Amino acid sequence: MDKRILWITRTAVFIALLVSLQAATRPLGQFVTGSIVNLILAVSVMTCGMSSGTVVSAISPMMAWLFGIAPNPVLVPFIIVGNIVFVLLWHFIGNIDKGNKYVVYVIAMIAAACAKFSVLYLGIVHIAIPLLLQDLSEQAAAMMSGMFGIPQLITATVGGILAIAIFPTLRKAIK
């Protein structure tokens, strides 16, 4: 099969899976939905590569906003950047070919989760909310700031742990 067609097909499957899981888990809250999103981002980059993971990273926040999961369209570009940082670090660190592969994946997960948290926290809590969303009530700003704080670190870590746990089975299924 042509590599481009395979890439398009796999990327489309991850996007469809991500969108359907975002919609299905929305009532379960940020911790469930966010963990699943990060799981899909990590697995997409682990199985299909950096370009596929990047595309899925960019489409996910747009779909989240369309489904009413993302609280404000102004935040979507910041979330896209956070997702892409997550995928890029997972790709570059996770593909280091030294030592135990699972140790490398754990390091990739920790670095990617911390970086995504940092990007979202700094971008949204310290830039978007005070500068771009000045008309928010104090209560709405506090709620939004809370969503893009520690919960982001937790969901990125949980999603990464789940990805590491299921990756061996996925790799066998793909082959």
Protein backbone atom coordinates (compact mmCIF):
# COMPACT_ATOMS: atom_id res chain seq x y z
CA MET A 1 0.00 0.00 0.00
CA ASP A 2 1.15 3.52 -0.77
CA LYS A 3 2.74 5.09 2.34
CA ARG A 4 0.78 8.33 1.89
CA ILE A 5 -2.53 6.50 1.79
CA LEU A 6 -1.55 4.50 4.88
CA TRP A 7 -0.56 7.71 6.70
CA ILE A 8 -3.83 9.44 5.75
CA THR A 9 -5.86 6.40 6.80
CA ARG A 10 -4.14 5.98 10.16
CA THR A 11 -4.27 9.69 10.92
CA ALA A 12 -7.96 9.80 10.02
CA VAL A 13 -8.62 6.83 12.31
CA PHE A 14 -6.92 8.60 15.21
CA ILE A 15 -8.86 11.80 14.53
CA ALA A 16 -12.15 9.89 14.36
CA LEU A 17 -11.29 7.99 17.52
CA LEU A 18 -10.30 11.16 19.32
CA VAL A 19 -13.40 13.10 18.26
CA SER A 20 -15.77 10.28 19.17
CA LEU A 21 -14.10 9.71 22.54
CA GLN A 22 -14.13 13.43 23.32
CA ALA A 23 -17.85 13.53 22.64
CA ALA A 24 -18.56 10.30 24.53
CA THR A 25 -16.53 11.20 27.62
CA ARG A 26 -17.53 14.85 27.87
CA PRO A 27 -20.09 14.14 30.63
CA LEU A 28 -17.38 12.34 32.63
CA GLY A 29 -15.36 15.52 33.12
CA GLN A 30 -11.95 16.98 32.40
CA PHE A 31 -9.89 14.24 34.04
CA VAL A 32 -11.39 11.44 31.96
CA THR A 33 -11.66 13.34 28.67
CA GLY A 34 -8.26 14.98 29.03
CA SER A 35 -6.55 11.70 29.89
CA ILE A 36 -8.10 10.02 26.85
CA VAL A 37 -7.09 12.91 24.58
CA ASN A 38 -3.49 12.66 25.80
CA LEU A 39 -3.59 8.87 25.40
CA ILE A 40 -4.67 9.26 21.76
CA LEU A 41 -2.03 11.94 21.13
CA ALA A 42 0.73 9.74 22.56
CA VAL A 43 -0.41 6.60 20.75
CA SER A 44 -0.77 8.46 17.44
CA VAL A 45 2.82 9.68 17.60
CA MET A 46 4.11 6.31 18.83
CA THR A 47 2.41 4.32 16.08
CA CYS A 48 2.20 6.72 13.14
CA GLY A 49 4.95 9.25 13.71
CA MET A 50 5.42 12.91 14.38
CA SER A 51 3.44 14.27 11.45
CA SER A 52 0.36 12.22 12.28
CA GLY A 53 0.56 13.13 15.96
CA THR A 54 0.91 16.80 15.06
CA VAL A 55 -2.17 16.75 12.82
CA VAL A 56 -4.21 14.99 15.51
CA SER A 57 -2.88 17.55 18.05
CA ALA A 58 -4.11 20.46 15.97
CA ILE A 59 -7.52 19.04 15.14
CA SER A 60 -8.36 17.88 18.67
CA PRO A 61 -8.81 21.35 20.26
CA MET A 62 -10.84 22.59 17.29
CA MET A 63 -13.20 19.65 17.66
CA ALA A 64 -13.30 20.14 21.43
CA TRP A 65 -14.46 23.70 20.91
CA LEU A 66 -17.10 22.59 18.40
CA PHE A 67 -18.41 20.05 20.93
CA GLY A 68 -18.42 22.64 23.70
CA ILE A 69 -15.59 20.97 25.63
CA ALA A 70 -13.09 23.83 25.20
CA PRO A 71 -14.48 26.81 27.12
CA ASN A 72 -13.56 29.60 24.70
CA PRO A 73 -12.34 29.80 21.07
CA VAL A 74 -9.58 32.23 22.11
CA LEU A 75 -7.95 29.35 24.00
CA VAL A 76 -7.88 26.94 21.04
CA PRO A 77 -4.52 28.15 19.59
CA PHE A 78 -2.90 27.81 23.02
CA ILE A 79 -4.26 24.29 23.40
CA ILE A 80 -3.01 23.40 19.91
CA VAL A 81 0.49 24.59 20.84
CA GLY A 82 0.38 22.63 24.12
CA ASN A 83 -0.67 19.47 22.27
CA ILE A 84 2.01 19.88 19.62
CA VAL A 85 4.69 20.39 22.28
CA PHE A 86 3.44 17.19 23.96
CA VAL A 87 3.66 15.24 20.70
CA LEU A 88 7.04 16.64 19.65
CA LEU A 89 8.70 15.85 22.96
CA TRP A 90 7.11 12.40 23.02
CA HIS A 91 8.44 11.82 19.49
CA PHE A 92 11.98 13.09 19.98
CA ILE A 93 12.59 11.64 23.44
CA GLY A 94 10.56 8.46 22.88
CA ASN A 95 12.60 7.61 19.79
CA ILE A 96 15.96 7.74 21.57
CA ASP A 97 17.53 4.37 20.95
CA LYS A 98 19.49 3.88 24.18
CA GLY A 99 18.75 1.70 27.17
CA ASN A 100 15.44 0.17 28.17
CA LYS A 101 12.69 1.35 25.82
CA TYR A 102 10.12 1.61 28.63
CA VAL A 103 12.44 3.83 30.65
CA VAL A 104 12.78 6.04 27.57
CA TYR A 105 8.97 6.14 27.23
CA VAL A 106 8.58 7.11 30.89
CA ILE A 107 11.11 9.92 30.45
CA ALA A 108 9.29 11.04 27.29
CA MET A 109 5.98 10.97 29.13
CA ILE A 110 7.28 13.02 32.06
CA ALA A 111 8.96 15.60 29.81
CA ALA A 112 5.96 15.85 27.48
CA ALA A 113 3.45 16.14 30.34
CA CYS A 114 5.50 18.81 32.15
CA ALA A 115 6.06 20.78 28.95
CA LYS A 116 2.40 20.66 27.94
CA PHE A 117 1.37 21.77 31.43
CA SER A 118 3.89 24.63 31.31
CA VAL A 119 2.77 25.83 27.87
CA LEU A 120 -0.90 25.74 28.82
CA TYR A 121 -0.43 27.27 32.24
CA LEU A 122 1.77 30.11 31.02
CA GLY A 123 -0.13 30.66 27.79
CA ILE A 124 -3.66 30.52 29.11
CA VAL A 125 -3.44 31.51 32.77
CA HIS A 126 -0.81 34.23 32.34
CA ILE A 127 -1.44 35.47 28.79
CA ALA A 128 -4.85 34.56 27.36
CA ILE A 129 -7.03 35.13 30.40
CA PRO A 130 -5.53 38.42 31.64
CA LEU A 131 -4.81 39.92 28.21
CA LEU A 132 -7.30 38.44 25.74
CA LEU A 133 -10.26 37.61 27.93
CA GLN A 134 -10.39 40.70 30.14
CA ASP A 135 -14.19 40.80 30.05
CA LEU A 136 -14.52 37.51 31.97
CA SER A 137 -16.00 37.67 35.41
CA GLU A 138 -13.61 36.99 38.26
CA GLN A 139 -15.35 33.67 38.91
CA ALA A 140 -15.16 32.56 35.25
CA ALA A 141 -11.49 33.55 35.04
CA ALA A 142 -10.73 31.59 38.22
CA MET A 143 -12.60 28.52 36.92
CA MET A 144 -10.80 28.67 33.57
CA SER A 145 -7.43 29.18 35.25
CA GLY A 146 -8.10 26.13 37.40
CA MET A 147 -8.84 24.02 34.34
CA PHE A 148 -5.46 24.87 32.81
CA GLY A 149 -3.36 24.34 35.90
CA ILE A 150 -2.49 21.09 37.66
CA PRO A 151 -5.33 19.13 35.98
CA GLN A 152 -3.42 19.46 32.71
CA LEU A 153 -0.33 17.89 34.26
CA ILE A 154 -2.43 15.08 35.70
CA THR A 155 -4.31 14.30 32.47
CA ALA A 156 -1.13 14.40 30.36
CA THR A 157 0.58 12.03 32.81
CA VAL A 158 -2.37 9.62 33.01
CA GLY A 159 -2.73 9.61 29.22
CA GLY A 160 0.99 8.92 28.86
CA ILE A 161 0.91 6.08 31.37
CA LEU A 162 -2.04 4.51 29.55
CA ALA A 163 -0.23 4.87 26.22
CA ILE A 164 2.86 3.13 27.58
CA ALA A 165 0.66 0.36 29.00
CA ILE A 166 -1.23 -0.39 25.77
CA PHE A 167 1.53 0.29 23.25
CA PRO A 168 3.02 -3.24 23.21
CA THR A 169 -0.37 -4.71 22.36
CA LEU A 170 -1.02 -2.08 19.71
CA ARG A 171 2.37 -2.63 18.13
CA LYS A 172 1.65 -6.36 17.81
CA ALA A 173 -1.81 -5.69 16.36
CA ILE A 174 -0.43 -3.26 13.78
CA LYS A 175 2.18 -5.76 12.59
